Amino acid sequence: MKTNYHTHTTRCHHATGSDEDYVKSAIKGGLHTLGFSDHTPWHYRTDYVAHMRMLPADLPDYVESLRDLRGKYKDQIDIKIGLECEYFPNYLPWLKEQVAEYGLDYLIFGNHFYHTDETFPYFGSHTDSRDMLDLYEESAIEGMETGLFCCLAHPDLFMRSYPRFDHHCTTISRHICRAAARLNIPLEYNLNYMAFCDLKGLAPYPCPEFWHIATNEGCTAIIGYDAHDNADFETAVYYNRALEELKLLGIRTTDTLPMRNNAK
């Protein structure tokens, strides 16, 4: 089946297209399952305001809108409702309350910041030292071990800013992949950055070196669009490229993620 569990909405302030536009485009693109997982809001203990995620006040509308669309299009596509969340230890109790209150289907783990974005920079643009690599590894493994998340999104995110895949990258990649395999957590083969790399002539992403390690460590891969524009679903170029690359790697793949038992 052609599926996607990594879909954003305009509530995160850096996506394009209405909720219904994403559903219509996903149907047009032949998707069987469309999972929405916009950037989770966090109820911060400070006055910090994040500008790349929805606010807590947006969450009720997010869930209500997607439930309405799930009913409207139930005969054409299976819609799941989730969030993309970081591992922020101090804020996990609040997150668990939201999951229970809204009966969310699933959570994916986007390891973007170390413990909180109130004080810590984005891993995707500031991982340029061994110390940052170590923090990325630590939070990735600790987050997976919580049991909250059904997959690790863009597990090679650190290579968006680290200068080259060196011995330290090999080491942390092996540790992350071994943890994912041990915990039976799929790793997402992320399509979002492929077009940008092609346009700018940048090094390939997803990172080939990381994914060779993932294959050797017995990991499972799932393709994720990480869609920020509904039109992403209407072209199969990068999805088909990912299928071919994963086939050449010989890595085990899946097209489904487990849903939470308390989902409504």
Protein backbone atom coordinates (compact mmCIF):
# COMPACT_ATOMS: atom_id res chain seq x y z
CA MET A 1 0.00 0.00 0.00
CA LYS A 2 1.02 3.60 -0.56
CA THR A 3 0.77 5.38 2.76
CA ASN A 4 2.06 8.45 4.55
CA TYR A 5 2.01 9.21 8.27
CA HIS A 6 4.01 12.46 8.18
CA THR A 7 1.80 15.35 7.08
CA HIS A 8 1.81 18.95 8.32
CA THR A 9 -0.81 21.69 8.21
CA THR A 10 -0.74 25.47 8.04
CA ARG A 11 -0.99 25.60 11.84
CA CYS A 12 2.78 25.06 12.04
CA HIS A 13 3.34 28.35 10.15
CA HIS A 14 5.58 26.80 7.48
CA ALA A 15 3.20 24.63 5.44
CA THR A 16 0.89 25.37 2.50
CA GLY A 17 -2.58 24.08 1.72
CA SER A 18 -5.81 23.51 3.63
CA ASP A 19 -6.48 20.29 5.53
CA GLU A 20 -8.91 19.22 2.82
CA ASP A 21 -6.39 20.05 0.08
CA TYR A 22 -4.02 17.49 1.60
CA VAL A 23 -6.75 14.85 1.62
CA LYS A 24 -7.75 15.53 -1.98
CA SER A 25 -4.14 15.49 -3.16
CA ALA A 26 -3.44 12.27 -1.26
CA ILE A 27 -6.40 10.61 -2.96
CA LYS A 28 -5.21 11.90 -6.32
CA GLY A 29 -1.75 10.52 -5.58
CA GLY A 30 -3.10 7.05 -4.83
CA LEU A 31 -2.54 6.94 -1.08
CA HIS A 32 -4.43 4.33 0.90
CA THR A 33 -3.70 5.91 4.31
CA LEU A 34 -3.03 9.55 5.16
CA GLY A 35 -1.72 10.30 8.63
CA PHE A 36 -1.60 13.90 9.83
CA SER A 37 1.22 14.58 12.30
CA ASP A 38 1.67 18.31 12.56
CA HIS A 39 4.30 19.73 14.92
CA THR A 40 2.97 19.27 18.42
CA PRO A 41 2.20 22.28 20.58
CA TRP A 42 3.94 22.40 23.96
CA HIS A 43 2.59 23.99 27.11
CA TYR A 44 5.81 25.77 28.08
CA ARG A 45 6.57 26.83 31.63
CA THR A 46 8.12 30.03 30.31
CA ASP A 47 6.75 32.76 28.03
CA TYR A 48 8.58 31.27 25.05
CA VAL A 49 6.56 31.11 21.82
CA ALA A 50 7.67 28.72 19.08
CA HIS A 51 7.06 29.90 15.53
CA MET A 52 7.37 26.52 13.81
CA ARG A 53 4.57 24.65 15.59
CA MET A 54 0.92 25.12 16.45
CA LEU A 55 -0.11 26.71 19.72
CA PRO A 56 -1.95 24.66 22.38
CA ALA A 57 -5.09 26.64 21.54
CA ASP A 58 -4.92 25.27 17.96
CA LEU A 59 -5.09 21.62 18.96
CA PRO A 60 -8.89 21.32 19.34
CA ASP A 61 -9.49 22.76 15.85
CA TYR A 62 -6.78 20.50 14.39
CA VAL A 63 -8.44 17.36 15.76
CA GLU A 64 -12.00 18.48 14.95
CA SER A 65 -11.09 19.40 11.36
CA LEU A 66 -9.38 16.09 10.69
CA ARG A 67 -12.18 14.07 12.28
CA ASP A 68 -14.67 15.81 10.00
CA LEU A 69 -12.52 15.00 6.97
CA ARG A 70 -12.10 11.41 8.10
CA GLY A 71 -15.88 11.02 8.06
CA LYS A 72 -16.35 12.88 4.78
CA TYR A 73 -13.75 10.84 2.88
CA LYS A 74 -14.06 7.50 4.70
CA ASP A 75 -14.91 5.66 1.48
CA GLN A 76 -11.86 7.01 -0.35
CA ILE A 77 -8.98 7.14 2.12
CA ASP A 78 -8.14 6.13 5.69
CA ILE A 79 -7.25 9.25 7.71
CA LYS A 80 -5.25 8.97 10.94
CA ILE A 81 -4.72 11.79 13.44
CA GLY A 82 -1.39 12.18 15.23
CA LEU A 83 1.39 14.59 16.08
CA GLU A 84 5.12 14.89 15.43
CA CYS A 85 6.69 15.35 18.86
CA GLU A 86 10.11 15.88 20.36
CA TYR A 87 11.43 14.16 23.46
CA PHE A 88 11.01 16.94 26.04
CA PRO A 89 11.16 15.04 29.37
CA ASN A 90 9.73 17.85 31.51
CA TYR A 91 6.72 18.25 29.24
CA LEU A 92 5.82 14.62 28.54
CA PRO A 93 3.13 14.47 31.26
CA TRP A 94 1.26 17.30 29.53
CA LEU A 95 1.66 15.57 26.15
CA LYS A 96 0.25 12.31 27.52
CA GLU A 97 -2.77 14.22 28.83
CA GLN A 98 -3.44 15.63 25.34
CA VAL A 99 -3.08 12.22 23.72
CA ALA A 100 -5.67 10.80 26.12
CA GLU A 101 -8.04 13.77 25.94
CA TYR A 102 -8.17 13.86 22.14
CA GLY A 103 -7.80 10.13 21.52
CA LEU A 104 -4.91 10.62 19.11
CA ASP A 105 -4.08 7.69 16.86
CA TYR A 106 -0.30 7.93 17.03
CA LEU A 107 2.83 9.99 17.72
CA ILE A 108 5.93 10.11 15.57
CA PHE A 109 9.24 11.18 17.05
CA GLY A 110 10.90 14.19 15.41
CA ASN A 111 14.18 14.66 17.27
CA HIS A 112 14.59 18.37 16.53
CA PHE A 113 15.86 19.79 19.84
CA TYR A 114 17.61 18.58 22.97
CA HIS A 115 15.02 18.52 25.80
CA THR A 116 13.37 21.84 24.83
CA ASP A 117 13.43 24.43 22.07
CA GLU A 118 13.19 27.21 24.64
CA THR A 119 16.95 27.21 25.08
CA PHE A 120 18.39 24.72 22.60
CA PRO A 121 19.08 25.15 18.85
CA TYR A 122 17.66 23.03 16.04
CA PHE A 123 19.64 19.87 15.38
CA GLY A 124 19.06 20.22 11.63
CA SER A 125 21.11 23.41 11.36
CA HIS A 126 23.39 23.42 14.42
CA THR A 127 24.81 19.90 14.64
CA ASP A 128 28.36 20.84 13.69
CA SER A 129 30.37 19.37 16.58
CA ARG A 130 30.91 16.05 18.29
CA ASP A 131 29.13 17.36 21.40
CA MET A 132 26.00 18.05 19.37
CA LEU A 133 26.19 14.60 17.80
CA ASP A 134 26.33 13.09 21.27
CA LEU A 135 23.29 15.07 22.38
CA TYR A 136 21.41 14.00 19.26
CA GLU A 137 22.17 10.36 19.99
CA GLU A 138 21.23 10.68 23.65
CA SER A 139 17.85 12.28 23.01
CA ALA A 140 17.06 9.95 20.10
CA ILE A 141 17.61 6.81 22.15
CA GLU A 142 15.98 8.11 25.33
CA GLY A 143 12.97 9.27 23.32
CA MET A 144 12.53 5.91 21.63
CA GLU A 145 12.79 4.16 24.97
CA THR A 146 9.75 6.03 26.32
CA GLY A 147 7.48 3.81 24.26
CA LEU A 148 5.43 6.84 23.17
CA PHE A 149 6.45 6.89 19.53
CA CYS A 150 5.65 4.55 16.65
CA CYS A 151 8.58 5.65 14.46
CA LEU A 152 11.65 7.88 14.43
CA ALA A 153 11.24 10.58 11.78
CA HIS A 154 14.26 11.65 9.70
CA PRO A 155 16.75 9.76 11.94
CA ASP A 156 19.67 11.16 9.93
CA LEU A 157 18.63 14.79 10.56
CA PHE A 158 22.06 15.60 12.02
CA MET A 159 23.55 15.28 8.53
CA ARG A 160 21.61 18.37 7.43
CA SER A 161 24.32 20.43 9.14
CA TYR A 162 27.25 18.15 10.06
CA PRO A 163 30.06 18.72 7.54
CA ARG A 164 30.87 15.12 6.61
CA PHE A 165 29.97 11.59 7.65
CA ASP A 166 32.98 10.76 9.83
CA HIS A 167 33.83 8.20 12.52
CA HIS A 168 31.67 9.98 15.11
CA CYS A 169 28.67 9.89 12.78
CA THR A 170 29.25 6.19 12.24
CA THR A 171 29.31 5.57 15.98
CA ILE A 172 26.14 7.46 16.88
CA SER A 173 24.32 6.08 13.84
CA ARG A 174 25.13 2.55 14.90
CA HIS A 175 23.89 3.23 18.45
CA ILE A 176 20.64 4.82 17.23
CA CYS A 177 19.98 2.04 14.73
CA ARG A 178 20.67 -0.71 17.26
CA ALA A 179 18.23 0.92 19.68
CA ALA A 180 15.57 1.22 16.98
CA ALA A 181 16.00 -2.43 15.98
CA ARG A 182 15.91 -3.55 19.63
CA LEU A 183 12.75 -1.55 20.30
CA ASN A 184 11.15 -2.50 16.96
CA ILE A 185 10.71 1.16 15.99
CA PRO A 186 10.76 1.87 12.22
CA LEU A 187 13.04 4.58 10.88
CA GLU A 188 11.55 7.06 8.45
CA TYR A 189 13.08 7.44 4.99
CA ASN A 190 12.24 11.11 4.60
CA LEU A 191 11.37 12.58 1.20
CA ASN A 192 11.08 16.24 2.18
CA TYR A 193 14.65 17.33 1.49
CA MET A 194 15.24 15.34 -1.73
CA ALA A 195 14.03 18.03 -4.14
CA PHE A 196 15.96 20.77 -2.34
CA CYS A 197 19.19 18.76 -2.52
CA ASP A 198 18.65 18.17 -6.23
CA LEU A 199 18.02 21.85 -6.87
CA LYS A 200 21.03 23.08 -4.89
CA GLY A 201 23.41 20.29 -5.86
CA LEU A 202 23.87 19.25 -2.22
CA ALA A 203 24.96 15.90 -0.83
CA PRO A 204 22.22 13.26 -1.07
CA TYR A 205 19.65 13.15 1.69
CA PRO A 206 18.49 10.79 3.14
CA CYS A 207 22.12 10.14 4.02
CA PRO A 208 23.37 6.97 2.25
CA GLU A 209 25.99 6.17 4.90
CA PHE A 210 23.41 6.25 7.68
CA TRP A 211 21.04 3.99 5.80
CA HIS A 212 23.73 1.41 5.06
CA ILE A 213 24.26 1.19 8.81
CA ALA A 214 20.51 0.94 9.40
CA THR A 215 20.35 -1.95 6.96
CA ASN A 216 23.26 -3.76 8.58
CA GLU A 217 21.76 -3.30 12.06
CA GLY A 218 18.49 -4.94 11.04
CA CYS A 219 16.29 -1.84 11.10
CA THR A 220 12.94 -1.40 9.39
CA ALA A 221 12.29 1.59 7.11
CA ILE A 222 9.06 3.41 6.31
CA ILE A 223 8.77 6.12 3.65
CA GLY A 224 7.55 9.49 4.92
CA TYR A 225 6.68 12.46 2.73
CA ASP A 226 7.06 14.97 5.59
CA ALA A 227 4.58 16.92 3.50
CA HIS A 228 4.43 20.69 3.94
CA ASP A 229 2.56 21.28 0.68
CA ASN A 230 -0.44 19.26 -0.47
CA ALA A 231 1.05 19.14 -3.99
CA ASP A 232 3.78 16.87 -2.58
CA PHE A 233 1.34 13.97 -2.89
CA GLU A 234 0.57 14.58 -6.55
CA THR A 235 3.96 13.58 -7.92
CA ALA A 236 5.45 10.14 -7.50
CA VAL A 237 9.02 11.04 -8.49
CA TYR A 238 10.59 11.06 -5.04
CA TYR A 239 8.39 8.32 -3.64
CA ASN A 240 9.42 6.02 -6.50
CA ARG A 241 13.07 7.00 -6.04
CA ALA A 242 12.82 6.08 -2.37
CA LEU A 243 11.30 2.71 -3.23
CA GLU A 244 14.19 1.98 -5.57
CA GLU A 245 16.86 3.14 -3.11
CA LEU A 246 15.41 1.05 -0.28
CA LYS A 247 15.21 -1.97 -2.59
CA LEU A 248 18.87 -1.56 -3.53
CA LEU A 249 19.81 -1.29 0.15
CA GLY A 250 17.96 -4.50 0.92
CA ILE A 251 16.52 -3.07 4.12
CA ARG A 252 13.30 -4.43 5.58
CA THR A 253 10.38 -2.04 4.92
CA THR A 254 6.86 -1.46 6.17
CA ASP A 255 3.96 0.67 4.96
CA THR A 256 1.99 0.74 8.22
CA LEU A 257 2.55 2.03 11.74
CA PRO A 258 0.89 0.75 14.91
CA MET A 259 -1.90 2.90 16.28
CA ARG A 260 -2.48 3.63 19.96
CA ASN A 261 -5.04 1.53 21.84
CA ASN A 262 -6.84 4.57 23.24
CA ALA A 263 -7.51 6.13 19.84
CA LYS A 264 -11.14 7.19 19.31
